[in-house]
């Protein structure tokens, strides 16, 4: 059973089309992905989800490739097929030093050894947050501070983890189909 309906651009209300247009303008996409079309029946929901994603991913101090890696890792930890596929593609398009096989190997070994050093400490932190956010200790934060992240950037990392979790619940509960350009990683 398909658990959602898609609202195509031509069938969308003017308010929903505004959200679709902003998404395409901001991301450079030429079409609207399934996740946002599944919210298109409600311009308020589409706008709320998009504004949160836009504000978290496209503003702040952390570079977009790192944010995309965080979303990928969190999504893979949650077993969120749609989000892990989408953000694996985004990581690969933004970081040409990585290949699809690197991401697959990383998920199988979970050591981070295949990842550039730049990502390792943040991935370790993100994995700890996903497993038990209440179990974080000062040493977890100090490790990021020692890597050169500011307290503001650590808050931004947590905001990205939270964003990923929200989308993981939404896309997994509905069992959203993958957009044609995404390759399943899980």
N, C-alpha and C. Protein backbone atom coordinates (compact mmCIF):
# COMPACT_ATOMS: atom_id res chain seq x y z
N UNK A 1 0.84 -1.18 0.00
CA UNK A 1 0.00 0.00 0.00
C UNK A 1 0.88 1.24 0.00
N UNK A 2 0.61 2.14 -0.90
CA UNK A 2 1.31 3.42 -0.88
C UNK A 2 0.66 4.28 0.19
N UNK A 3 1.48 4.83 1.08
CA UNK A 3 0.98 5.54 2.25
C UNK A 3 0.89 7.06 2.06
N UNK A 4 1.11 7.52 0.88
CA UNK A 4 1.13 8.97 0.66
C UNK A 4 0.62 9.28 -0.73
N UNK A 5 0.31 10.55 -0.95
CA UNK A 5 -0.04 11.03 -2.28
C UNK A 5 0.99 12.09 -2.66
N UNK A 6 1.21 12.23 -3.92
CA UNK A 6 2.15 13.24 -4.40
C UNK A 6 1.37 14.36 -5.07
N UNK A 7 1.76 15.57 -4.77
CA UNK A 7 1.16 16.73 -5.42
C UNK A 7 2.18 17.26 -6.42
N UNK A 8 1.89 17.06 -7.68
CA UNK A 8 2.79 17.53 -8.74
C UNK A 8 2.70 19.05 -8.85
N UNK A 9 3.70 19.63 -9.44
CA UNK A 9 3.78 21.08 -9.56
C UNK A 9 2.51 21.66 -10.20
N UNK A 10 2.10 21.08 -11.31
CA UNK A 10 0.95 21.62 -12.04
C UNK A 10 -0.36 21.50 -11.27
N UNK A 11 -0.42 20.59 -10.29
CA UNK A 11 -1.63 20.40 -9.49
C UNK A 11 -1.58 21.13 -8.15
N UNK A 12 -0.45 21.74 -7.85
CA UNK A 12 -0.25 22.36 -6.54
C UNK A 12 -0.95 23.71 -6.45
N UNK A 13 -1.30 24.07 -5.24
CA UNK A 13 -1.87 25.41 -4.99
C UNK A 13 -0.78 26.45 -5.21
N UNK A 14 -1.15 27.70 -5.43
CA UNK A 14 -0.13 28.74 -5.59
C UNK A 14 0.84 28.81 -4.39
N UNK A 15 0.34 28.61 -3.18
CA UNK A 15 1.22 28.66 -2.00
C UNK A 15 2.21 27.49 -1.99
N UNK A 16 1.75 26.32 -2.41
CA UNK A 16 2.65 25.17 -2.49
C UNK A 16 3.66 25.36 -3.61
N UNK A 17 3.23 25.92 -4.74
CA UNK A 17 4.17 26.20 -5.83
C UNK A 17 5.27 27.15 -5.39
N UNK A 18 4.94 28.11 -4.53
CA UNK A 18 5.96 29.01 -4.00
C UNK A 18 7.04 28.23 -3.25
N UNK A 19 6.62 27.23 -2.47
CA UNK A 19 7.57 26.40 -1.74
C UNK A 19 8.41 25.60 -2.73
N UNK A 20 7.76 24.98 -3.69
CA UNK A 20 8.48 24.20 -4.71
C UNK A 20 9.50 25.09 -5.43
N UNK A 21 9.07 26.28 -5.83
CA UNK A 21 9.98 27.20 -6.53
C UNK A 21 11.16 27.60 -5.66
N UNK A 22 10.90 27.87 -4.38
CA UNK A 22 11.99 28.24 -3.47
C UNK A 22 12.96 27.07 -3.30
N UNK A 23 12.44 25.87 -3.20
CA UNK A 23 13.29 24.69 -3.10
C UNK A 23 14.21 24.60 -4.32
N UNK A 24 13.63 24.69 -5.51
CA UNK A 24 14.43 24.56 -6.73
C UNK A 24 15.43 25.70 -6.87
N UNK A 25 15.03 26.89 -6.54
CA UNK A 25 15.92 28.05 -6.61
C UNK A 25 17.09 27.89 -5.64
N UNK A 26 16.80 27.48 -4.43
CA UNK A 26 17.83 27.36 -3.39
C UNK A 26 18.80 26.22 -3.67
N UNK A 27 18.28 25.09 -4.11
CA UNK A 27 19.11 23.89 -4.30
C UNK A 27 19.69 23.77 -5.70
N UNK A 28 19.13 24.51 -6.65
CA UNK A 28 19.58 24.36 -8.03
C UNK A 28 18.95 23.17 -8.73
N UNK A 29 18.01 22.51 -8.07
CA UNK A 29 17.33 21.35 -8.66
C UNK A 29 16.41 21.81 -9.79
N UNK A 30 16.16 20.90 -10.71
CA UNK A 30 15.25 21.21 -11.82
C UNK A 30 13.88 20.58 -11.62
N UNK A 31 13.75 19.81 -10.54
CA UNK A 31 12.45 19.22 -10.20
C UNK A 31 12.35 19.13 -8.69
N UNK A 32 11.15 18.85 -8.25
CA UNK A 32 10.87 18.76 -6.82
C UNK A 32 10.94 17.29 -6.40
N UNK A 33 11.66 16.98 -5.32
CA UNK A 33 11.77 15.58 -4.91
C UNK A 33 10.48 15.05 -4.27
N UNK A 34 10.42 13.75 -4.18
CA UNK A 34 9.24 13.08 -3.65
C UNK A 34 8.90 13.55 -2.24
N UNK A 35 9.91 13.76 -1.38
CA UNK A 35 9.59 14.12 0.01
C UNK A 35 8.76 15.39 0.09
N UNK A 36 9.09 16.37 -0.74
CA UNK A 36 8.35 17.64 -0.65
C UNK A 36 7.01 17.53 -1.39
N UNK A 37 6.98 16.74 -2.46
CA UNK A 37 5.70 16.53 -3.15
C UNK A 37 4.71 15.77 -2.26
N UNK A 38 5.24 14.93 -1.36
CA UNK A 38 4.34 14.20 -0.45
C UNK A 38 3.73 15.13 0.60
N UNK A 39 4.29 16.31 0.75
CA UNK A 39 3.73 17.33 1.66
C UNK A 39 2.92 18.38 0.91
N UNK A 40 2.93 18.32 -0.42
CA UNK A 40 2.33 19.35 -1.25
C UNK A 40 0.85 19.56 -1.08
N UNK A 41 0.14 18.61 -0.52
CA UNK A 41 -1.29 18.78 -0.28
C UNK A 41 -1.55 19.86 0.77
N UNK A 42 -0.52 20.18 1.56
CA UNK A 42 -0.65 21.21 2.60
C UNK A 42 0.50 22.20 2.44
N UNK A 43 0.21 23.36 1.96
CA UNK A 43 1.28 24.35 1.77
C UNK A 43 1.94 24.69 3.10
N UNK A 44 1.19 24.67 4.19
CA UNK A 44 1.76 24.97 5.51
C UNK A 44 2.78 23.92 5.92
N UNK A 45 2.45 22.64 5.73
CA UNK A 45 3.42 21.59 6.06
C UNK A 45 4.62 21.63 5.12
N UNK A 46 4.37 21.78 3.83
CA UNK A 46 5.48 21.84 2.87
C UNK A 46 6.42 22.99 3.23
N UNK A 47 5.86 24.14 3.55
CA UNK A 47 6.68 25.30 3.92
C UNK A 47 7.44 25.05 5.22
N UNK A 48 6.77 24.48 6.21
CA UNK A 48 7.42 24.24 7.51
C UNK A 48 8.61 23.29 7.37
N UNK A 49 8.41 22.19 6.66
CA UNK A 49 9.51 21.24 6.47
C UNK A 49 10.63 21.87 5.65
N UNK A 50 10.29 22.56 4.57
CA UNK A 50 11.30 23.16 3.73
C UNK A 50 12.06 24.27 4.46
N UNK A 51 11.36 25.12 5.18
CA UNK A 51 12.04 26.21 5.89
C UNK A 51 13.01 25.67 6.94
N UNK A 52 12.61 24.60 7.61
CA UNK A 52 13.51 24.01 8.60
C UNK A 52 14.74 23.42 7.92
N UNK A 53 14.54 22.72 6.82
CA UNK A 53 15.67 22.15 6.10
C UNK A 53 16.57 23.26 5.56
N UNK A 54 15.97 24.26 4.95
CA UNK A 54 16.74 25.36 4.36
C UNK A 54 17.53 26.10 5.44
N UNK A 55 16.88 26.42 6.54
CA UNK A 55 17.55 27.15 7.61
C UNK A 55 18.67 26.37 8.25
N UNK A 56 18.51 25.06 8.35
CA UNK A 56 19.53 24.23 8.99
C UNK A 56 20.68 23.90 8.04
N UNK A 57 20.37 23.56 6.81
CA UNK A 57 21.41 23.12 5.88
C UNK A 57 22.10 24.27 5.15
N UNK A 58 21.36 25.32 4.82
CA UNK A 58 21.93 26.36 3.94
C UNK A 58 22.30 27.64 4.67
N UNK A 59 22.35 27.60 5.99
CA UNK A 59 22.84 28.76 6.74
C UNK A 59 23.74 28.23 7.86
N UNK A 60 24.35 29.13 8.58
CA UNK A 60 25.23 28.72 9.67
C UNK A 60 26.69 28.77 9.25
N UNK A 61 27.52 28.15 10.07
CA UNK A 61 28.97 28.22 9.87
C UNK A 61 29.58 26.96 9.28
N UNK A 62 28.94 25.83 9.45
CA UNK A 62 29.50 24.57 8.97
C UNK A 62 29.32 24.45 7.46
N UNK A 63 30.28 23.86 6.77
CA UNK A 63 30.15 23.68 5.33
C UNK A 63 29.08 22.64 4.99
N UNK A 64 28.42 22.87 3.88
CA UNK A 64 27.34 21.97 3.44
C UNK A 64 27.78 20.52 3.30
N UNK A 65 28.97 20.22 2.75
CA UNK A 65 29.35 18.80 2.66
C UNK A 65 29.37 18.09 4.02
N UNK A 66 29.82 18.79 5.05
CA UNK A 66 29.84 18.19 6.39
C UNK A 66 28.41 17.97 6.89
N UNK A 67 27.54 18.93 6.66
CA UNK A 67 26.14 18.77 7.08
C UNK A 67 25.49 17.60 6.35
N UNK A 68 25.76 17.48 5.07
CA UNK A 68 25.19 16.37 4.30
C UNK A 68 25.72 15.03 4.82
N UNK A 69 27.01 14.98 5.20
CA UNK A 69 27.57 13.75 5.76
C UNK A 69 26.88 13.41 7.08
N UNK A 70 26.61 14.41 7.90
CA UNK A 70 25.90 14.17 9.16
C UNK A 70 24.52 13.57 8.89
N UNK A 71 23.78 14.17 7.96
CA UNK A 71 22.44 13.66 7.65
C UNK A 71 22.54 12.23 7.11
N UNK A 72 23.52 11.98 6.26
CA UNK A 72 23.71 10.62 5.73
C UNK A 72 23.96 9.62 6.86
N UNK A 73 24.88 9.94 7.75
CA UNK A 73 25.25 9.03 8.84
C UNK A 73 24.07 8.78 9.77
N UNK A 74 23.38 9.84 10.17
CA UNK A 74 22.23 9.70 11.05
C UNK A 74 21.15 8.86 10.37
N UNK A 75 20.91 9.12 9.11
CA UNK A 75 19.88 8.38 8.36
C UNK A 75 20.24 6.91 8.24
N UNK A 76 21.50 6.63 7.98
CA UNK A 76 21.93 5.23 7.90
C UNK A 76 21.77 4.55 9.25
N UNK A 77 22.13 5.25 10.34
CA UNK A 77 21.97 4.68 11.68
C UNK A 77 20.50 4.34 11.96
N UNK A 78 19.61 5.19 11.50
CA UNK A 78 18.18 4.97 11.71
C UNK A 78 17.58 3.99 10.71
N UNK A 79 18.34 3.57 9.72
CA UNK A 79 17.80 2.68 8.69
C UNK A 79 16.81 3.38 7.78
N UNK A 80 16.96 4.69 7.64
CA UNK A 80 16.05 5.49 6.83
C UNK A 80 16.51 5.45 5.37
N UNK A 81 15.91 4.58 4.60
CA UNK A 81 16.32 4.32 3.22
C UNK A 81 16.29 5.58 2.35
N UNK A 82 15.19 6.32 2.40
CA UNK A 82 15.05 7.49 1.54
C UNK A 82 16.12 8.54 1.87
N UNK A 83 16.24 8.89 3.13
CA UNK A 83 17.18 9.95 3.52
C UNK A 83 18.63 9.52 3.33
N UNK A 84 18.95 8.26 3.61
CA UNK A 84 20.34 7.84 3.43
C UNK A 84 20.72 7.87 1.94
N UNK A 85 19.80 7.47 1.07
CA UNK A 85 20.07 7.50 -0.37
C UNK A 85 20.22 8.93 -0.88
N UNK A 86 19.28 9.78 -0.49
CA UNK A 86 19.30 11.18 -0.92
C UNK A 86 20.58 11.87 -0.48
N UNK A 87 20.94 11.71 0.79
CA UNK A 87 22.08 12.45 1.31
C UNK A 87 23.41 11.80 0.96
N UNK A 88 23.41 10.50 0.64
CA UNK A 88 24.62 9.89 0.07
C UNK A 88 24.92 10.56 -1.27
N UNK A 89 23.88 10.72 -2.09
CA UNK A 89 24.07 11.38 -3.39
C UNK A 89 24.56 12.81 -3.20
N UNK A 90 24.00 13.51 -2.22
CA UNK A 90 24.41 14.89 -1.97
C UNK A 90 25.86 14.96 -1.50
N UNK A 91 26.28 14.05 -0.61
CA UNK A 91 27.67 14.02 -0.16
C UNK A 91 28.59 13.81 -1.35
N UNK A 92 28.25 12.85 -2.18
CA UNK A 92 29.11 12.52 -3.33
C UNK A 92 29.18 13.65 -4.34
N UNK A 93 28.09 14.38 -4.49
CA UNK A 93 28.12 15.50 -5.45
C UNK A 93 28.92 16.68 -4.91
N UNK A 94 29.00 16.80 -3.59
CA UNK A 94 29.71 17.92 -2.98
C UNK A 94 31.17 17.61 -2.63
N UNK A 95 31.49 16.34 -2.39
CA UNK A 95 32.84 15.94 -2.02
C UNK A 95 33.34 14.91 -3.03
N UNK A 96 34.08 15.39 -4.00
CA UNK A 96 34.54 14.53 -5.10
C UNK A 96 35.65 13.57 -4.67
N UNK A 97 36.15 13.69 -3.42
CA UNK A 97 37.17 12.75 -2.94
C UNK A 97 36.55 11.43 -2.53
N UNK A 98 35.23 11.38 -2.39
CA UNK A 98 34.54 10.17 -1.97
C UNK A 98 33.81 9.52 -3.13
N UNK A 99 33.69 8.21 -3.06
CA UNK A 99 32.93 7.43 -4.04
C UNK A 99 31.83 6.68 -3.32
N UNK A 100 30.85 6.21 -4.06
CA UNK A 100 29.72 5.47 -3.50
C UNK A 100 30.22 4.29 -2.65
N UNK A 101 31.22 3.59 -3.16
CA UNK A 101 31.78 2.46 -2.43
C UNK A 101 32.38 2.86 -1.09
N UNK A 102 32.93 4.07 -1.00
CA UNK A 102 33.47 4.55 0.28
C UNK A 102 32.36 4.64 1.32
N UNK A 103 31.22 5.16 0.92
CA UNK A 103 30.09 5.29 1.86
C UNK A 103 29.55 3.92 2.25
N UNK A 104 29.47 3.01 1.28
CA UNK A 104 29.00 1.66 1.59
C UNK A 104 29.97 0.95 2.53
N UNK A 105 31.27 1.09 2.27
CA UNK A 105 32.28 0.47 3.15
C UNK A 105 32.22 1.05 4.55
N UNK A 106 32.04 2.34 4.62
CA UNK A 106 31.95 2.99 5.93
C UNK A 106 30.80 2.41 6.74
N UNK A 107 29.65 2.23 6.09
CA UNK A 107 28.49 1.70 6.81
C UNK A 107 28.72 0.27 7.29
N UNK A 108 29.47 -0.51 6.50
CA UNK A 108 29.73 -1.90 6.88
C UNK A 108 30.73 -2.00 8.02
N UNK A 109 31.75 -1.13 8.02
CA UNK A 109 32.79 -1.24 9.04
C UNK A 109 32.52 -0.34 10.24
N UNK A 110 31.82 0.76 10.02
CA UNK A 110 31.46 1.70 11.09
C UNK A 110 32.68 2.25 11.84
N UNK A 111 33.84 2.26 11.21
CA UNK A 111 35.03 2.76 11.90
C UNK A 111 35.37 4.18 11.49
N UNK A 112 34.90 4.59 10.35
CA UNK A 112 35.25 5.92 9.86
C UNK A 112 36.60 5.93 9.18
N UNK A 113 37.26 4.76 9.11
CA UNK A 113 38.59 4.71 8.52
C UNK A 113 38.58 5.12 7.06
N UNK A 114 37.47 4.87 6.37
CA UNK A 114 37.39 5.23 4.96
C UNK A 114 37.02 6.69 4.75
N UNK A 115 36.71 7.38 5.82
CA UNK A 115 36.32 8.78 5.70
C UNK A 115 37.51 9.70 5.85
N UNK A 116 37.48 10.83 5.18
CA UNK A 116 38.52 11.83 5.42
C UNK A 116 38.52 12.24 6.88
N UNK A 117 39.69 12.57 7.41
CA UNK A 117 39.83 12.94 8.82
C UNK A 117 38.86 14.05 9.20
N UNK A 118 38.57 14.92 8.25
CA UNK A 118 37.67 16.05 8.49
C UNK A 118 36.32 15.62 9.04
N UNK A 119 35.85 14.45 8.59
CA UNK A 119 34.52 13.98 8.98
C UNK A 119 34.52 13.13 10.25
N UNK A 120 35.62 12.48 10.57
CA UNK A 120 35.62 11.43 11.59
C UNK A 120 35.07 11.85 12.95
N UNK A 121 35.55 12.96 13.50
CA UNK A 121 35.12 13.34 14.85
C UNK A 121 33.64 13.69 14.88
N UNK A 122 33.15 14.33 13.82
CA UNK A 122 31.73 14.69 13.77
C UNK A 122 30.87 13.44 13.60
N UNK A 123 31.33 12.49 12.80
CA UNK A 123 30.59 11.25 12.62
C UNK A 123 30.52 10.48 13.93
N UNK A 124 31.63 10.42 14.64
CA UNK A 124 31.65 9.75 15.93
C UNK A 124 30.65 10.39 16.89
N UNK A 125 30.66 11.71 16.93
CA UNK A 125 29.73 12.45 17.80
C UNK A 125 28.28 12.18 17.37
N UNK A 126 28.01 12.26 16.08
CA UNK A 126 26.64 12.04 15.58
C UNK A 126 26.16 10.64 15.94
N UNK A 127 27.02 9.65 15.80
CA UNK A 127 26.63 8.28 16.15
C UNK A 127 26.27 8.18 17.63
N UNK A 128 27.03 8.87 18.48
CA UNK A 128 26.73 8.84 19.92
C UNK A 128 25.39 9.52 20.21
N UNK A 129 25.11 10.62 19.54
CA UNK A 129 23.84 11.32 19.74
C UNK A 129 22.68 10.43 19.34
N UNK A 130 22.81 9.76 18.19
CA UNK A 130 21.74 8.88 17.71
C UNK A 130 21.50 7.73 18.69
N UNK A 131 22.58 7.16 19.20
CA UNK A 131 22.43 6.02 20.12
C UNK A 131 21.85 6.41 21.46
N UNK A 132 22.27 7.58 22.00
CA UNK A 132 21.79 7.99 23.31
C UNK A 132 22.17 9.45 23.56
N UNK A 133 21.32 10.36 23.18
CA UNK A 133 21.61 11.79 23.36
C UNK A 133 21.79 12.14 24.83
N UNK A 134 21.10 11.44 25.71
CA UNK A 134 21.24 11.69 27.14
C UNK A 134 22.56 11.15 27.70
N UNK A 135 23.20 10.29 26.95
CA UNK A 135 24.44 9.68 27.41
C UNK A 135 25.70 10.46 27.04
N UNK A 136 25.53 11.59 26.36
CA UNK A 136 26.71 12.40 26.02
C UNK A 136 27.34 12.93 27.30
N UNK A 137 28.67 13.04 27.26
CA UNK A 137 29.37 13.61 28.40
C UNK A 137 30.24 14.78 27.93
N UNK A 138 30.85 15.44 28.87
CA UNK A 138 31.67 16.60 28.53
C UNK A 138 32.82 16.23 27.61
N UNK A 139 33.34 15.02 27.74
CA UNK A 139 34.44 14.58 26.88
C UNK A 139 34.03 14.53 25.41
N UNK A 140 32.76 14.19 25.16
CA UNK A 140 32.27 14.16 23.78
C UNK A 140 32.32 15.56 23.17
N UNK A 141 31.95 16.55 23.95
CA UNK A 141 32.00 17.94 23.48
C UNK A 141 33.43 18.43 23.38
N UNK A 142 34.24 18.05 24.36
CA UNK A 142 35.65 18.47 24.35
C UNK A 142 36.40 17.91 23.15
N UNK A 143 36.03 16.71 22.72
CA UNK A 143 36.67 16.13 21.53
C UNK A 143 36.42 17.01 20.31
N UNK A 144 35.20 17.52 20.17
CA UNK A 144 34.91 18.40 19.05
C UNK A 144 35.61 19.75 19.22
N UNK A 145 35.63 20.26 20.42
CA UNK A 145 36.35 21.52 20.67
C UNK A 145 37.83 21.36 20.33
N UNK A 146 38.40 20.23 20.69
CA UNK A 146 39.81 19.96 20.39
C UNK A 146 40.07 19.87 18.89
N UNK A 147 39.06 19.49 18.13
CA UNK A 147 39.17 19.42 16.67
C UNK A 147 39.01 20.80 16.02
N UNK A 148 38.70 21.81 16.84
CA UNK A 148 38.59 23.17 16.33
C UNK A 148 37.17 23.66 16.12
N UNK A 149 36.17 22.87 16.50
CA UNK A 149 34.79 23.31 16.37
C UNK A 149 34.45 24.23 17.54
N UNK A 150 33.73 25.29 17.26
CA UNK A 150 33.27 26.20 18.32
C UNK A 150 32.02 25.63 18.96
N UNK A 151 31.64 26.19 20.11
CA UNK A 151 30.40 25.76 20.76
C UNK A 151 29.20 26.03 19.87
N UNK A 152 29.24 27.14 19.12
CA UNK A 152 28.15 27.45 18.19
C UNK A 152 28.07 26.39 17.09
N UNK A 153 29.22 25.96 16.59
CA UNK A 153 29.23 24.93 15.54
C UNK A 153 28.75 23.59 16.09
N UNK A 154 29.06 23.29 17.35
CA UNK A 154 28.58 22.05 17.95
C UNK A 154 27.05 22.09 18.05
N UNK A 155 26.50 23.23 18.42
CA UNK A 155 25.03 23.36 18.42
C UNK A 155 24.46 23.16 17.02
N UNK A 156 25.17 23.66 16.02
CA UNK A 156 24.73 23.49 14.63
C UNK A 156 24.78 22.01 14.24
N UNK A 157 25.81 21.29 14.68
CA UNK A 157 25.91 19.85 14.42
C UNK A 157 24.70 19.15 15.01
N UNK A 158 24.35 19.50 16.25
CA UNK A 158 23.19 18.88 16.90
C UNK A 158 21.90 19.22 16.16
N UNK A 159 21.78 20.45 15.68
CA UNK A 159 20.59 20.85 14.92
C UNK A 159 20.46 20.03 13.64
N UNK A 160 21.58 19.74 12.98
CA UNK A 160 21.55 18.92 11.76
C UNK A 160 21.14 17.49 12.11
N UNK A 161 21.66 16.96 13.21
CA UNK A 161 21.28 15.61 13.66
C UNK A 161 19.77 15.56 13.92
N UNK A 162 19.26 16.59 14.57
CA UNK A 162 17.83 16.66 14.87
C UNK A 162 16.99 16.76 13.60
N UNK A 163 17.44 17.57 12.65
CA UNK A 163 16.75 17.69 11.37
C UNK A 163 16.69 16.32 10.68
N UNK A 164 17.80 15.64 10.65
CA UNK A 164 17.85 14.32 10.01
C UNK A 164 16.87 13.37 10.68
N UNK A 165 16.84 13.38 11.99
CA UNK A 165 15.94 12.50 12.73
C UNK A 165 14.48 12.78 12.37
N UNK A 166 14.12 14.06 12.28
CA UNK A 166 12.76 14.43 11.92
C UNK A 166 12.41 13.87 10.53
N UNK A 167 13.28 14.09 9.57
CA UNK A 167 13.02 13.60 8.22
C UNK A 167 13.06 12.08 8.15
N UNK A 168 13.91 11.44 8.95
CA UNK A 168 13.95 9.97 8.98
C UNK A 168 12.61 9.40 9.40
N UNK A 169 12.02 9.99 10.43
CA UNK A 169 10.72 9.52 10.91
C UNK A 169 9.67 9.71 9.82
N UNK A 170 9.65 10.88 9.22
CA UNK A 170 8.64 11.19 8.19
C UNK A 170 8.77 10.25 6.99
N UNK A 171 9.97 10.18 6.42
CA UNK A 171 10.14 9.40 5.18
C UNK A 171 10.03 7.90 5.42
N UNK A 172 10.46 7.43 6.58
CA UNK A 172 10.38 5.99 6.87
C UNK A 172 8.95 5.56 7.19
N UNK A 173 8.24 6.35 7.97
CA UNK A 173 6.86 5.99 8.32
C UNK A 173 5.98 5.90 7.07
N UNK A 174 6.25 6.80 6.12
CA UNK A 174 5.47 6.77 4.87
C UNK A 174 6.04 5.81 3.83
N UNK A 175 7.23 5.29 4.09
CA UNK A 175 7.94 4.43 3.13
C UNK A 175 8.01 5.10 1.76
N UNK A 176 8.53 6.33 1.77
CA UNK A 176 8.64 7.06 0.51
C UNK A 176 9.52 6.30 -0.47
N UNK A 177 9.07 6.26 -1.72
CA UNK A 177 9.87 5.69 -2.79
C UNK A 177 11.05 6.61 -3.05
N UNK A 178 12.14 6.04 -3.54
CA UNK A 178 13.31 6.85 -3.88
C UNK A 178 13.07 7.63 -5.16
N UNK A 179 13.60 8.83 -5.20
CA UNK A 179 13.59 9.60 -6.44
C UNK A 179 14.50 8.85 -7.42
N UNK A 180 14.23 8.95 -8.72
CA UNK A 180 14.98 8.16 -9.71
C UNK A 180 16.49 8.38 -9.68
N UNK A 181 16.95 9.55 -9.28
CA UNK A 181 18.39 9.83 -9.30
C UNK A 181 19.13 9.29 -8.07
N UNK A 182 18.43 8.74 -7.09
CA UNK A 182 19.06 8.24 -5.88
C UNK A 182 19.34 6.74 -5.98
N UNK A 183 20.50 6.33 -5.47
CA UNK A 183 20.85 4.93 -5.39
C UNK A 183 20.67 4.47 -3.95
N UNK A 184 20.00 3.35 -3.75
CA UNK A 184 19.81 2.83 -2.40
C UNK A 184 21.16 2.45 -1.81
N UNK A 185 21.38 2.85 -0.57
CA UNK A 185 22.64 2.54 0.08
C UNK A 185 22.43 1.51 1.19
N UNK A 186 21.21 1.40 1.68
CA UNK A 186 20.91 0.42 2.75
C UNK A 186 20.32 -0.84 2.16
